[in-house]
Amino acid sequence: MIGRIRGILVHKQAPLILVEVGGVGYELHVPMTTLFQLPALGAEVSLVTHFVVREDAQLLYGFVEESDRSLFRELIKVSGVGPKLALTILSGMDAQSFARCVQRDDVSALVALPGVGKKTAERLLVDMRDKLKDWMVPADPADGDAGAGTVRAPLPDIVADAEGALITLGYKPQEASRMVAAVNDDSVVESEELIRRALKSTIRR
């Protein structure tokens, strides 16, 4: 099993990235919580990974935080939750945020994620309650959006990239467009920031 990858980040297009290691490019599926923490293209990156083998594909999932990988591994053990849905959940909230949902029995926050129905959310809260200690991490008091230094209108391709990423996560095209439009202002210069704002606005509704 491939447990960790360290190499040069050569491409990122949510939810996929490409890391070059010794001349070989590894394609990884990553949640948005990991994508937001990645360095610029051309920089070195180190990710913990989870390797999934299916009859029709071999897929590699990458995470910056060990706690996120641990949560991912627990999520895919829950009935009705596969890697794709687990990735969607981790795109909407990190391990610590998920832990708070479980502690508060917050069904509504989970149902707000695409593909998570009420029954699945309730099953997650029950099945994951006894496993909190395995992937809880200390809360970050510095959590919050960083201000942008450059002010200009977002380019059309940035908006399109953000909408495309949300659609890949399971949101319908019209919903993805509405989510991006609701948080789009002239301070945004990267698609990752639009995605981050759109996901946060959904969870906080």
N, C-alpha and C. Protein backbone atom coordinates (compact mmCIF):
# COMPACT_ATOMS: atom_id res chain seq x y z
N MET A 1 0.85 -1.21 0.00
CA MET A 1 0.00 0.00 0.00
C MET A 1 0.88 1.25 0.00
N ILE A 2 0.45 2.26 -0.76
CA ILE A 2 1.15 3.54 -0.78
C ILE A 2 0.62 4.38 0.38
N GLY A 3 1.49 4.69 1.34
CA GLY A 3 1.05 5.41 2.52
C GLY A 3 1.41 6.88 2.55
N ARG A 4 2.41 7.28 1.76
CA ARG A 4 2.82 8.68 1.72
C ARG A 4 3.48 8.98 0.38
N ILE A 5 3.29 10.19 -0.10
CA ILE A 5 3.93 10.64 -1.33
C ILE A 5 4.57 12.00 -1.09
N ARG A 6 5.82 12.14 -1.52
CA ARG A 6 6.50 13.43 -1.46
C ARG A 6 7.12 13.70 -2.81
N GLY A 7 6.78 14.82 -3.38
CA GLY A 7 7.29 15.16 -4.70
C GLY A 7 6.93 16.58 -5.08
N ILE A 8 6.97 16.86 -6.37
CA ILE A 8 6.69 18.20 -6.88
C ILE A 8 5.25 18.29 -7.36
N LEU A 9 4.55 19.29 -6.87
CA LEU A 9 3.17 19.52 -7.31
C LEU A 9 3.20 20.15 -8.70
N VAL A 10 2.71 19.42 -9.70
CA VAL A 10 2.80 19.92 -11.08
C VAL A 10 1.44 20.31 -11.67
N HIS A 11 0.37 19.88 -11.03
CA HIS A 11 -0.96 20.25 -11.55
C HIS A 11 -1.99 20.11 -10.45
N LYS A 12 -2.96 21.01 -10.43
CA LYS A 12 -4.10 20.86 -9.52
C LYS A 12 -5.35 21.42 -10.19
N GLN A 13 -6.33 20.58 -10.26
CA GLN A 13 -7.64 20.93 -10.80
C GLN A 13 -8.66 20.15 -9.99
N ALA A 14 -9.21 20.81 -8.98
CA ALA A 14 -10.07 20.14 -8.01
C ALA A 14 -11.07 19.19 -8.67
N PRO A 15 -11.19 17.97 -8.13
CA PRO A 15 -10.54 17.47 -6.92
C PRO A 15 -9.27 16.65 -7.18
N LEU A 16 -8.66 16.82 -8.36
CA LEU A 16 -7.48 16.04 -8.71
C LEU A 16 -6.21 16.89 -8.67
N ILE A 17 -5.11 16.27 -8.25
CA ILE A 17 -3.81 16.91 -8.33
C ILE A 17 -2.84 15.90 -8.92
N LEU A 18 -1.70 16.39 -9.40
CA LEU A 18 -0.67 15.52 -9.95
C LEU A 18 0.65 15.84 -9.26
N VAL A 19 1.25 14.83 -8.66
CA VAL A 19 2.52 14.98 -7.95
C VAL A 19 3.58 14.15 -8.67
N GLU A 20 4.67 14.79 -9.06
CA GLU A 20 5.75 14.09 -9.76
C GLU A 20 6.79 13.60 -8.77
N VAL A 21 7.04 12.31 -8.79
CA VAL A 21 8.03 11.68 -7.90
C VAL A 21 9.01 10.88 -8.75
N GLY A 22 10.24 11.33 -8.84
CA GLY A 22 11.24 10.61 -9.61
C GLY A 22 10.88 10.42 -11.06
N GLY A 23 10.24 11.41 -11.64
CA GLY A 23 9.87 11.34 -13.05
C GLY A 23 8.54 10.67 -13.32
N VAL A 24 7.89 10.17 -12.29
CA VAL A 24 6.58 9.52 -12.43
C VAL A 24 5.51 10.43 -11.82
N GLY A 25 4.44 10.67 -12.56
CA GLY A 25 3.36 11.52 -12.07
C GLY A 25 2.26 10.70 -11.42
N TYR A 26 1.97 10.99 -10.17
CA TYR A 26 0.92 10.30 -9.45
C TYR A 26 -0.32 11.19 -9.36
N GLU A 27 -1.44 10.67 -9.82
CA GLU A 27 -2.70 11.40 -9.77
C GLU A 27 -3.41 11.06 -8.47
N LEU A 28 -3.76 12.09 -7.71
CA LEU A 28 -4.41 11.89 -6.42
C LEU A 28 -5.73 12.65 -6.35
N HIS A 29 -6.72 12.03 -5.75
CA HIS A 29 -7.97 12.70 -5.43
C HIS A 29 -7.80 13.31 -4.04
N VAL A 30 -8.10 14.58 -3.91
CA VAL A 30 -7.94 15.24 -2.61
C VAL A 30 -9.20 16.01 -2.26
N PRO A 31 -9.54 16.09 -0.96
CA PRO A 31 -10.67 16.92 -0.55
C PRO A 31 -10.29 18.39 -0.62
N MET A 32 -11.28 19.26 -0.61
CA MET A 32 -11.00 20.69 -0.69
C MET A 32 -10.20 21.16 0.53
N THR A 33 -10.41 20.52 1.68
CA THR A 33 -9.65 20.91 2.87
C THR A 33 -8.16 20.72 2.66
N THR A 34 -7.78 19.74 1.85
CA THR A 34 -6.37 19.53 1.51
C THR A 34 -5.94 20.48 0.39
N LEU A 35 -6.80 20.65 -0.61
CA LEU A 35 -6.47 21.52 -1.75
C LEU A 35 -6.13 22.92 -1.28
N PHE A 36 -6.86 23.42 -0.28
CA PHE A 36 -6.64 24.77 0.22
C PHE A 36 -5.28 24.93 0.89
N GLN A 37 -4.68 23.82 1.32
CA GLN A 37 -3.41 23.88 2.03
C GLN A 37 -2.20 23.58 1.14
N LEU A 38 -2.44 23.30 -0.12
CA LEU A 38 -1.34 22.95 -1.01
C LEU A 38 -0.50 24.17 -1.37
N PRO A 39 0.80 23.95 -1.61
CA PRO A 39 1.67 25.06 -2.03
C PRO A 39 1.43 25.40 -3.50
N ALA A 40 2.18 26.34 -4.01
CA ALA A 40 2.08 26.73 -5.41
C ALA A 40 2.63 25.63 -6.30
N LEU A 41 2.21 25.63 -7.56
CA LEU A 41 2.74 24.66 -8.52
C LEU A 41 4.25 24.80 -8.61
N GLY A 42 4.92 23.65 -8.68
CA GLY A 42 6.37 23.66 -8.76
C GLY A 42 7.05 23.50 -7.42
N ALA A 43 6.27 23.59 -6.34
CA ALA A 43 6.83 23.43 -4.99
C ALA A 43 6.72 21.97 -4.55
N GLU A 44 7.52 21.62 -3.56
CA GLU A 44 7.47 20.26 -3.02
C GLU A 44 6.27 20.12 -2.10
N VAL A 45 5.65 18.95 -2.15
CA VAL A 45 4.49 18.68 -1.30
C VAL A 45 4.62 17.27 -0.75
N SER A 46 4.15 17.10 0.47
CA SER A 46 4.15 15.78 1.11
C SER A 46 2.74 15.48 1.60
N LEU A 47 2.20 14.34 1.19
CA LEU A 47 0.84 13.97 1.54
C LEU A 47 0.78 12.55 2.07
N VAL A 48 -0.04 12.32 3.09
CA VAL A 48 -0.35 10.95 3.48
C VAL A 48 -1.45 10.48 2.55
N THR A 49 -1.48 9.18 2.24
CA THR A 49 -2.36 8.69 1.20
C THR A 49 -3.15 7.46 1.63
N HIS A 50 -4.20 7.21 0.88
CA HIS A 50 -4.98 5.98 1.04
C HIS A 50 -5.23 5.42 -0.35
N PHE A 51 -4.89 4.16 -0.55
CA PHE A 51 -4.96 3.52 -1.85
C PHE A 51 -6.20 2.63 -1.92
N VAL A 52 -7.05 2.85 -2.92
CA VAL A 52 -8.27 2.08 -3.10
C VAL A 52 -8.18 1.29 -4.40
N VAL A 53 -8.39 -0.01 -4.32
CA VAL A 53 -8.36 -0.87 -5.51
C VAL A 53 -9.78 -1.37 -5.78
N ARG A 54 -10.26 -1.08 -6.99
CA ARG A 54 -11.57 -1.56 -7.41
C ARG A 54 -11.39 -2.42 -8.65
N GLU A 55 -12.46 -3.07 -9.07
CA GLU A 55 -12.38 -3.91 -10.26
C GLU A 55 -12.04 -3.11 -11.50
N ASP A 56 -12.53 -1.86 -11.53
CA ASP A 56 -12.36 -1.05 -12.73
C ASP A 56 -11.35 0.09 -12.57
N ALA A 57 -10.75 0.23 -11.39
CA ALA A 57 -9.83 1.36 -11.20
C ALA A 57 -8.98 1.17 -9.95
N GLN A 58 -7.83 1.85 -9.94
CA GLN A 58 -6.98 1.95 -8.76
C GLN A 58 -6.84 3.44 -8.46
N LEU A 59 -7.32 3.86 -7.29
CA LEU A 59 -7.42 5.28 -6.98
C LEU A 59 -6.59 5.61 -5.75
N LEU A 60 -5.93 6.76 -5.82
CA LEU A 60 -5.09 7.20 -4.72
C LEU A 60 -5.67 8.50 -4.16
N TYR A 61 -5.88 8.53 -2.85
CA TYR A 61 -6.44 9.70 -2.19
C TYR A 61 -5.36 10.32 -1.30
N GLY A 62 -5.25 11.65 -1.34
CA GLY A 62 -4.20 12.33 -0.59
C GLY A 62 -4.73 13.33 0.41
N PHE A 63 -3.98 13.48 1.52
CA PHE A 63 -4.40 14.38 2.59
C PHE A 63 -3.17 15.05 3.21
N VAL A 64 -3.30 16.31 3.54
CA VAL A 64 -2.23 17.01 4.23
C VAL A 64 -2.18 16.56 5.69
N GLU A 65 -3.35 16.45 6.31
CA GLU A 65 -3.44 16.13 7.73
C GLU A 65 -3.69 14.65 7.95
N GLU A 66 -2.96 14.05 8.88
CA GLU A 66 -3.17 12.65 9.23
C GLU A 66 -4.58 12.44 9.78
N SER A 67 -5.10 13.42 10.52
CA SER A 67 -6.44 13.30 11.09
C SER A 67 -7.50 13.19 10.00
N ASP A 68 -7.30 13.89 8.87
CA ASP A 68 -8.26 13.82 7.77
C ASP A 68 -8.23 12.44 7.13
N ARG A 69 -7.03 11.86 6.98
CA ARG A 69 -6.95 10.52 6.41
C ARG A 69 -7.60 9.50 7.35
N SER A 70 -7.36 9.66 8.65
CA SER A 70 -7.96 8.75 9.62
C SER A 70 -9.48 8.82 9.54
N LEU A 71 -10.01 10.04 9.44
CA LEU A 71 -11.46 10.19 9.33
C LEU A 71 -11.96 9.58 8.03
N PHE A 72 -11.26 9.80 6.94
CA PHE A 72 -11.63 9.23 5.64
C PHE A 72 -11.75 7.71 5.76
N ARG A 73 -10.77 7.09 6.40
CA ARG A 73 -10.76 5.63 6.53
C ARG A 73 -11.93 5.13 7.38
N GLU A 74 -12.32 5.91 8.37
CA GLU A 74 -13.46 5.52 9.19
C GLU A 74 -14.78 5.74 8.43
N LEU A 75 -14.84 6.82 7.66
CA LEU A 75 -16.06 7.11 6.92
C LEU A 75 -16.40 6.02 5.91
N ILE A 76 -15.40 5.51 5.20
CA ILE A 76 -15.68 4.52 4.16
C ILE A 76 -16.06 3.16 4.74
N LYS A 77 -15.93 3.02 6.05
CA LYS A 77 -16.40 1.78 6.71
C LYS A 77 -17.89 1.84 7.03
N VAL A 78 -18.45 3.04 6.99
CA VAL A 78 -19.87 3.21 7.30
C VAL A 78 -20.71 2.75 6.12
N SER A 79 -21.76 2.00 6.40
CA SER A 79 -22.64 1.50 5.34
C SER A 79 -23.22 2.65 4.52
N GLY A 80 -23.09 2.56 3.20
CA GLY A 80 -23.63 3.59 2.32
C GLY A 80 -22.68 4.73 2.03
N VAL A 81 -21.49 4.70 2.62
CA VAL A 81 -20.50 5.77 2.39
C VAL A 81 -19.28 5.19 1.69
N GLY A 82 -19.07 5.59 0.46
CA GLY A 82 -17.90 5.17 -0.29
C GLY A 82 -16.86 6.27 -0.33
N PRO A 83 -15.73 6.03 -1.00
CA PRO A 83 -14.67 7.05 -1.08
C PRO A 83 -15.14 8.39 -1.65
N LYS A 84 -16.01 8.35 -2.65
CA LYS A 84 -16.45 9.61 -3.26
C LYS A 84 -17.23 10.46 -2.26
N LEU A 85 -18.16 9.84 -1.54
CA LEU A 85 -18.94 10.58 -0.57
C LEU A 85 -18.08 11.02 0.61
N ALA A 86 -17.14 10.16 1.01
CA ALA A 86 -16.22 10.53 2.10
C ALA A 86 -15.40 11.75 1.71
N LEU A 87 -14.98 11.80 0.44
CA LEU A 87 -14.22 12.95 -0.04
C LEU A 87 -15.09 14.21 -0.04
N THR A 88 -16.35 14.06 -0.39
CA THR A 88 -17.27 15.19 -0.36
C THR A 88 -17.45 15.73 1.06
N ILE A 89 -17.59 14.81 2.01
CA ILE A 89 -17.75 15.22 3.41
C ILE A 89 -16.52 15.98 3.87
N LEU A 90 -15.33 15.47 3.54
CA LEU A 90 -14.09 16.12 3.96
C LEU A 90 -13.81 17.39 3.18
N SER A 91 -14.51 17.58 2.07
CA SER A 91 -14.37 18.84 1.33
C SER A 91 -15.19 19.93 2.00
N GLY A 92 -16.26 19.53 2.67
CA GLY A 92 -17.11 20.50 3.34
C GLY A 92 -16.66 20.82 4.75
N MET A 93 -15.91 19.90 5.38
CA MET A 93 -15.45 20.13 6.76
C MET A 93 -14.25 19.24 7.05
N ASP A 94 -13.32 19.77 7.84
CA ASP A 94 -12.16 18.97 8.23
C ASP A 94 -12.54 18.05 9.39
N ALA A 95 -11.56 17.27 9.87
CA ALA A 95 -11.83 16.30 10.92
C ALA A 95 -12.37 16.95 12.19
N GLN A 96 -11.80 18.10 12.54
CA GLN A 96 -12.24 18.78 13.77
C GLN A 96 -13.68 19.27 13.64
N SER A 97 -14.04 19.80 12.50
CA SER A 97 -15.41 20.28 12.29
C SER A 97 -16.39 19.11 12.30
N PHE A 98 -15.97 17.99 11.70
CA PHE A 98 -16.83 16.81 11.71
C PHE A 98 -17.03 16.31 13.14
N ALA A 99 -15.95 16.35 13.92
CA ALA A 99 -16.04 15.92 15.32
C ALA A 99 -17.07 16.77 16.08
N ARG A 100 -17.08 18.07 15.80
CA ARG A 100 -18.05 18.94 16.47
C ARG A 100 -19.48 18.60 16.05
N CYS A 101 -19.66 18.23 14.77
CA CYS A 101 -20.98 17.82 14.30
C CYS A 101 -21.46 16.59 15.06
N VAL A 102 -20.56 15.63 15.22
CA VAL A 102 -20.91 14.40 15.93
C VAL A 102 -21.23 14.69 17.39
N GLN A 103 -20.42 15.52 18.01
CA GLN A 103 -20.64 15.86 19.42
C GLN A 103 -21.97 16.57 19.64
N ARG A 104 -22.38 17.38 18.66
CA ARG A 104 -23.63 18.15 18.78
C ARG A 104 -24.83 17.43 18.16
N ASP A 105 -24.59 16.23 17.58
CA ASP A 105 -25.65 15.53 16.84
C ASP A 105 -26.25 16.44 15.79
N ASP A 106 -25.37 17.13 15.07
CA ASP A 106 -25.80 18.14 14.09
C ASP A 106 -26.09 17.49 12.74
N VAL A 107 -27.31 16.98 12.60
CA VAL A 107 -27.72 16.34 11.35
C VAL A 107 -27.78 17.35 10.22
N SER A 108 -28.25 18.55 10.48
CA SER A 108 -28.47 19.56 9.44
C SER A 108 -27.17 19.93 8.73
N ALA A 109 -26.06 20.01 9.46
CA ALA A 109 -24.78 20.37 8.83
C ALA A 109 -24.34 19.29 7.85
N LEU A 110 -24.60 18.03 8.16
CA LEU A 110 -24.22 16.94 7.27
C LEU A 110 -25.16 16.85 6.07
N VAL A 111 -26.45 17.05 6.31
CA VAL A 111 -27.43 16.99 5.22
C VAL A 111 -27.19 18.11 4.21
N ALA A 112 -26.56 19.20 4.63
CA ALA A 112 -26.27 20.31 3.72
C ALA A 112 -25.25 19.91 2.65
N LEU A 113 -24.51 18.83 2.88
CA LEU A 113 -23.52 18.36 1.91
C LEU A 113 -24.20 17.55 0.82
N PRO A 114 -23.74 17.68 -0.43
CA PRO A 114 -24.38 16.93 -1.52
C PRO A 114 -24.19 15.43 -1.34
N GLY A 115 -25.27 14.68 -1.57
CA GLY A 115 -25.19 13.22 -1.47
C GLY A 115 -25.42 12.66 -0.09
N VAL A 116 -25.55 13.53 0.92
CA VAL A 116 -25.78 13.07 2.29
C VAL A 116 -27.24 13.30 2.66
N GLY A 117 -28.00 12.21 2.68
CA GLY A 117 -29.39 12.30 3.08
C GLY A 117 -29.53 12.22 4.59
N LYS A 118 -30.75 12.38 5.07
CA LYS A 118 -30.97 12.39 6.51
C LYS A 118 -30.60 11.06 7.14
N LYS A 119 -30.96 9.94 6.50
CA LYS A 119 -30.66 8.62 7.05
C LYS A 119 -29.16 8.39 7.11
N THR A 120 -28.46 8.80 6.05
CA THR A 120 -26.99 8.64 6.05
C THR A 120 -26.36 9.49 7.13
N ALA A 121 -26.85 10.72 7.28
CA ALA A 121 -26.32 11.61 8.31
C ALA A 121 -26.53 11.03 9.70
N GLU A 122 -27.72 10.51 9.94
CA GLU A 122 -28.01 9.91 11.25
C GLU A 122 -27.14 8.68 11.50
N ARG A 123 -26.91 7.89 10.46
CA ARG A 123 -26.05 6.71 10.59
C ARG A 123 -24.61 7.12 10.89
N LEU A 124 -24.17 8.18 10.24
CA LEU A 124 -22.81 8.67 10.50
C LEU A 124 -22.65 9.11 11.95
N LEU A 125 -23.63 9.83 12.46
CA LEU A 125 -23.53 10.32 13.83
C LEU A 125 -23.49 9.17 14.83
N VAL A 126 -24.26 8.13 14.57
CA VAL A 126 -24.29 6.98 15.48
C VAL A 126 -22.99 6.17 15.37
N ASP A 127 -22.59 5.86 14.13
CA ASP A 127 -21.43 4.99 13.93
C ASP A 127 -20.11 5.65 14.31
N MET A 128 -20.04 6.98 14.20
CA MET A 128 -18.76 7.66 14.42
C MET A 128 -18.59 8.17 15.84
N ARG A 129 -19.63 8.14 16.62
CA ARG A 129 -19.57 8.74 17.96
C ARG A 129 -18.48 8.09 18.83
N ASP A 130 -18.36 6.77 18.76
CA ASP A 130 -17.39 6.07 19.60
C ASP A 130 -15.96 6.16 19.07
N LYS A 131 -15.79 6.79 17.91
CA LYS A 131 -14.46 6.83 17.29
C LYS A 131 -13.86 8.23 17.28
N LEU A 132 -14.49 9.16 17.99
CA LEU A 132 -14.03 10.55 17.98
C LEU A 132 -12.56 10.69 18.33
N LYS A 133 -12.11 9.93 19.32
CA LYS A 133 -10.74 10.08 19.82
C LYS A 133 -9.70 9.74 18.76
N ASP A 134 -10.10 8.97 17.73
CA ASP A 134 -9.14 8.53 16.72
C ASP A 134 -8.75 9.62 15.73
N TRP A 135 -9.60 10.62 15.58
CA TRP A 135 -9.28 11.64 14.58
C TRP A 135 -9.59 13.06 15.01
N MET A 136 -9.87 13.27 16.29
CA MET A 136 -10.03 14.65 16.76
C MET A 136 -8.68 15.31 16.92
N VAL A 137 -8.61 16.57 16.55
CA VAL A 137 -7.37 17.34 16.72
C VAL A 137 -7.73 18.64 17.42
N PRO A 138 -6.78 19.30 18.08
CA PRO A 138 -7.08 20.56 18.76
C PRO A 138 -7.60 21.60 17.79
N ALA A 139 -8.58 22.36 18.22
CA ALA A 139 -9.14 23.41 17.37
C ALA A 139 -8.11 24.49 17.13
N ASP A 140 -8.13 25.06 15.95
CA ASP A 140 -7.19 26.12 15.58
C ASP A 140 -7.83 27.46 15.87
N PRO A 141 -7.35 28.21 16.86
CA PRO A 141 -7.96 29.50 17.21
C PRO A 141 -7.79 30.54 16.12
N ALA A 142 -6.87 30.27 15.19
CA ALA A 142 -6.63 31.25 14.12
C ALA A 142 -7.49 30.99 12.91
N ASP A 143 -8.47 30.09 13.04
CA ASP A 143 -9.31 29.74 11.90
C ASP A 143 -10.06 30.95 11.38
N GLY A 144 -10.07 31.11 10.09
CA GLY A 144 -10.78 32.25 9.51
C GLY A 144 -10.24 32.53 8.12
N ASP A 145 -10.94 33.37 7.39
CA ASP A 145 -10.52 33.72 6.03
C ASP A 145 -9.43 34.76 6.05
N ALA A 146 -8.43 34.55 5.24
CA ALA A 146 -7.35 35.53 5.12
C ALA A 146 -7.75 36.60 4.13
N GLY A 147 -7.36 37.82 4.40
CA GLY A 147 -7.71 38.91 3.49
C GLY A 147 -6.87 38.87 2.23
N ALA A 148 -7.42 39.32 1.14
CA ALA A 148 -6.70 39.32 -0.13
C ALA A 148 -5.99 40.65 -0.30
N GLY A 149 -4.77 40.61 -0.83
CA GLY A 149 -4.00 41.82 -0.98
C GLY A 149 -4.29 42.54 -2.28
N THR A 150 -4.72 41.79 -3.31
CA THR A 150 -4.98 42.38 -4.60
C THR A 150 -6.47 42.41 -4.86
N VAL A 151 -6.98 43.52 -5.32
CA VAL A 151 -8.41 43.64 -5.57
C VAL A 151 -8.64 43.75 -7.07
N ARG A 152 -9.39 42.77 -7.58
CA ARG A 152 -9.78 42.82 -8.99
C ARG A 152 -10.93 41.84 -9.19
N ALA A 153 -11.65 41.99 -10.28
CA ALA A 153 -12.79 41.11 -10.54
C ALA A 153 -12.29 39.72 -10.89
N PRO A 154 -12.92 38.68 -10.36
CA PRO A 154 -12.52 37.31 -10.67
C PRO A 154 -12.64 37.05 -12.17
N LEU A 155 -11.67 36.37 -12.73
CA LEU A 155 -11.70 36.04 -14.14
C LEU A 155 -12.73 34.96 -14.39
N PRO A 156 -13.33 34.93 -15.60
CA PRO A 156 -14.35 33.93 -15.91
C PRO A 156 -13.88 32.49 -15.69
N ASP A 157 -12.60 32.20 -16.02
CA ASP A 157 -12.12 30.83 -15.87
C ASP A 157 -12.01 30.45 -14.40
N ILE A 158 -11.77 31.41 -13.53
CA ILE A 158 -11.73 31.14 -12.10
C ILE A 158 -13.11 30.74 -11.61
N VAL A 159 -14.13 31.46 -12.06
CA VAL A 159 -15.50 31.15 -11.70
C VAL A 159 -15.88 29.77 -12.24
N ALA A 160 -15.50 29.51 -13.48
CA ALA A 160 -15.82 28.22 -14.11
C ALA A 160 -15.14 27.07 -13.37
N ASP A 161 -13.89 27.28 -12.97
CA ASP A 161 -13.16 26.24 -12.23
C ASP A 161 -13.85 25.95 -10.90
N ALA A 162 -14.28 27.01 -10.22
CA ALA A 162 -14.96 26.83 -8.93
C ALA A 162 -16.27 26.09 -9.11
N GLU A 163 -17.05 26.49 -10.11
CA GLU A 163 -18.32 25.82 -10.35
C GLU A 163 -18.09 24.35 -10.73
N GLY A 164 -17.08 24.10 -11.56
CA GLY A 164 -16.77 22.73 -11.98
C GLY A 164 -16.39 21.84 -10.81
N ALA A 165 -15.62 22.41 -9.87
CA ALA A 165 -15.20 21.64 -8.69
C ALA A 165 -16.41 21.28 -7.84
N LEU A 166 -17.33 22.22 -7.66
CA LEU A 166 -18.52 21.96 -6.86
C LEU A 166 -19.41 20.92 -7.53
N ILE A 167 -19.50 20.97 -8.85
CA ILE A 167 -20.29 19.97 -9.58
C ILE A 167 -19.67 18.59 -9.41
N THR A 168 -18.34 18.53 -9.45
CA THR A 168 -17.65 17.25 -9.26
C THR A 168 -17.93 16.69 -7.87
N LEU A 169 -18.10 17.56 -6.89
CA LEU A 169 -18.40 17.12 -5.52
C LEU A 169 -19.84 16.62 -5.37
N GLY A 170 -20.69 16.90 -6.37
CA GLY A 170 -22.06 16.41 -6.30
C GLY A 170 -23.14 17.46 -6.35
N TYR A 171 -22.75 18.74 -6.35
CA TYR A 171 -23.75 19.79 -6.44
C TYR A 171 -24.28 19.88 -7.88
N LYS A 172 -25.55 20.22 -8.04
CA LYS A 172 -26.12 20.39 -9.36
C LYS A 172 -25.57 21.68 -9.99
N PRO A 173 -25.46 21.71 -11.34
CA PRO A 173 -24.89 22.90 -12.00
C PRO A 173 -25.52 24.22 -11.58
N GLN A 174 -26.85 24.27 -11.53
CA GLN A 174 -27.51 25.52 -11.14
C GLN A 174 -27.19 25.89 -9.70
N GLU A 175 -27.12 24.88 -8.83
CA GLU A 175 -26.81 25.13 -7.43
C GLU A 175 -25.37 25.61 -7.28
N ALA A 176 -24.45 24.98 -8.03
CA ALA A 176 -23.04 25.39 -7.98
C ALA A 176 -22.88 26.83 -8.44
N SER A 177 -23.59 27.18 -9.52
CA SER A 177 -23.53 28.54 -10.04
C SER A 177 -24.06 29.54 -9.02
N ARG A 178 -25.16 29.18 -8.36
CA ARG A 178 -25.75 30.07 -7.35
C ARG A 178 -24.82 30.24 -6.15
N MET A 179 -24.21 29.13 -5.71
CA MET A 179 -23.30 29.19 -4.57
C MET A 179 -22.11 30.10 -4.83
N VAL A 180 -21.53 29.96 -6.04
CA VAL A 180 -20.36 30.77 -6.38
C VAL A 180 -20.75 32.24 -6.52
N ALA A 181 -21.88 32.49 -7.17
CA ALA A 181 -22.33 33.88 -7.36
C ALA A 181 -22.59 34.57 -6.03
N ALA A 182 -23.07 33.82 -5.06
CA ALA A 182 -23.42 34.41 -3.76
C ALA A 182 -22.20 34.89 -2.99
N VAL A 183 -21.03 34.30 -3.26
CA VAL A 183 -19.82 34.68 -2.50
C VAL A 183 -18.79 35.38 -3.37
N ASN A 184 -19.14 35.60 -4.61
CA ASN A 184 -18.20 36.18 -5.57
C ASN A 184 -18.13 37.70 -5.41
N ASP A 185 -16.95 38.22 -5.14
CA ASP A 185 -16.77 39.68 -5.13
C ASP A 185 -15.41 40.01 -5.75
N ASP A 186 -15.10 41.28 -5.83
CA ASP A 186 -13.90 41.68 -6.55
C ASP A 186 -12.61 41.49 -5.75
N SER A 187 -12.69 40.85 -4.60
CA SER A 187 -11.46 40.58 -3.84
C SER A 187 -10.91 39.19 -4.12
N VAL A 188 -11.66 38.36 -4.85
CA VAL A 188 -11.26 36.98 -5.09
C VAL A 188 -10.40 36.89 -6.35
N VAL A 189 -9.24 36.25 -6.22
CA VAL A 189 -8.34 36.13 -7.37
C VAL A 189 -8.00 34.67 -7.67
N GLU A 190 -8.48 33.71 -6.86
CA GLU A 190 -8.19 32.30 -7.08
C GLU A 190 -9.47 31.48 -6.94
N SER A 191 -9.57 30.43 -7.76
CA SER A 191 -10.75 29.58 -7.71
C SER A 191 -10.87 28.87 -6.37
N GLU A 192 -9.72 28.54 -5.74
CA GLU A 192 -9.75 27.86 -4.45
C GLU A 192 -10.47 28.70 -3.39
N GLU A 193 -10.30 30.02 -3.46
CA GLU A 193 -10.95 30.90 -2.49
C GLU A 193 -12.47 30.93 -2.73
N LEU A 194 -12.88 30.93 -3.99
CA LEU A 194 -14.30 30.89 -4.30
C LEU A 194 -14.92 29.59 -3.78
N ILE A 195 -14.22 28.48 -3.99
CA ILE A 195 -14.72 27.19 -3.53
C ILE A 195 -14.82 27.18 -2.01
N ARG A 196 -13.78 27.69 -1.35
CA ARG A 196 -13.77 27.72 0.11
C ARG A 196 -14.97 28.52 0.64
N ARG A 197 -15.19 29.69 0.07
CA ARG A 197 -16.30 30.54 0.53
C ARG A 197 -17.65 29.88 0.27
N ALA A 198 -17.78 29.27 -0.92
CA ALA A 198 -19.05 28.62 -1.27
C ALA A 198 -19.36 27.48 -0.32
N LEU A 199 -18.37 26.66 0.00
CA LEU A 199 -18.59 25.54 0.91
C LEU A 199 -18.90 26.02 2.32
N LYS A 200 -18.20 27.05 2.78
CA LYS A 200 -18.46 27.57 4.12
C LYS A 200 -19.86 28.16 4.22
N SER A 201 -20.31 28.82 3.17
CA SER A 201 -21.65 29.42 3.21
C SER A 201 -22.72 28.34 3.27
N THR A 202 -22.46 27.21 2.65
CA THR A 202 -23.42 26.10 2.66
C THR A 202 -23.51 25.48 4.03
N ILE A 203 -22.36 25.25 4.67
CA ILE A 203 -22.35 24.60 5.98
C ILE A 203 -22.98 25.49 7.04
N ARG A 204 -22.82 26.80 6.90
CA ARG A 204 -23.29 27.72 7.93
C ARG A 204 -24.75 28.12 7.78
N ARG A 205 -25.41 27.66 6.72
CA ARG A 205 -26.81 28.06 6.52
C ARG A 205 -27.69 27.51 7.62
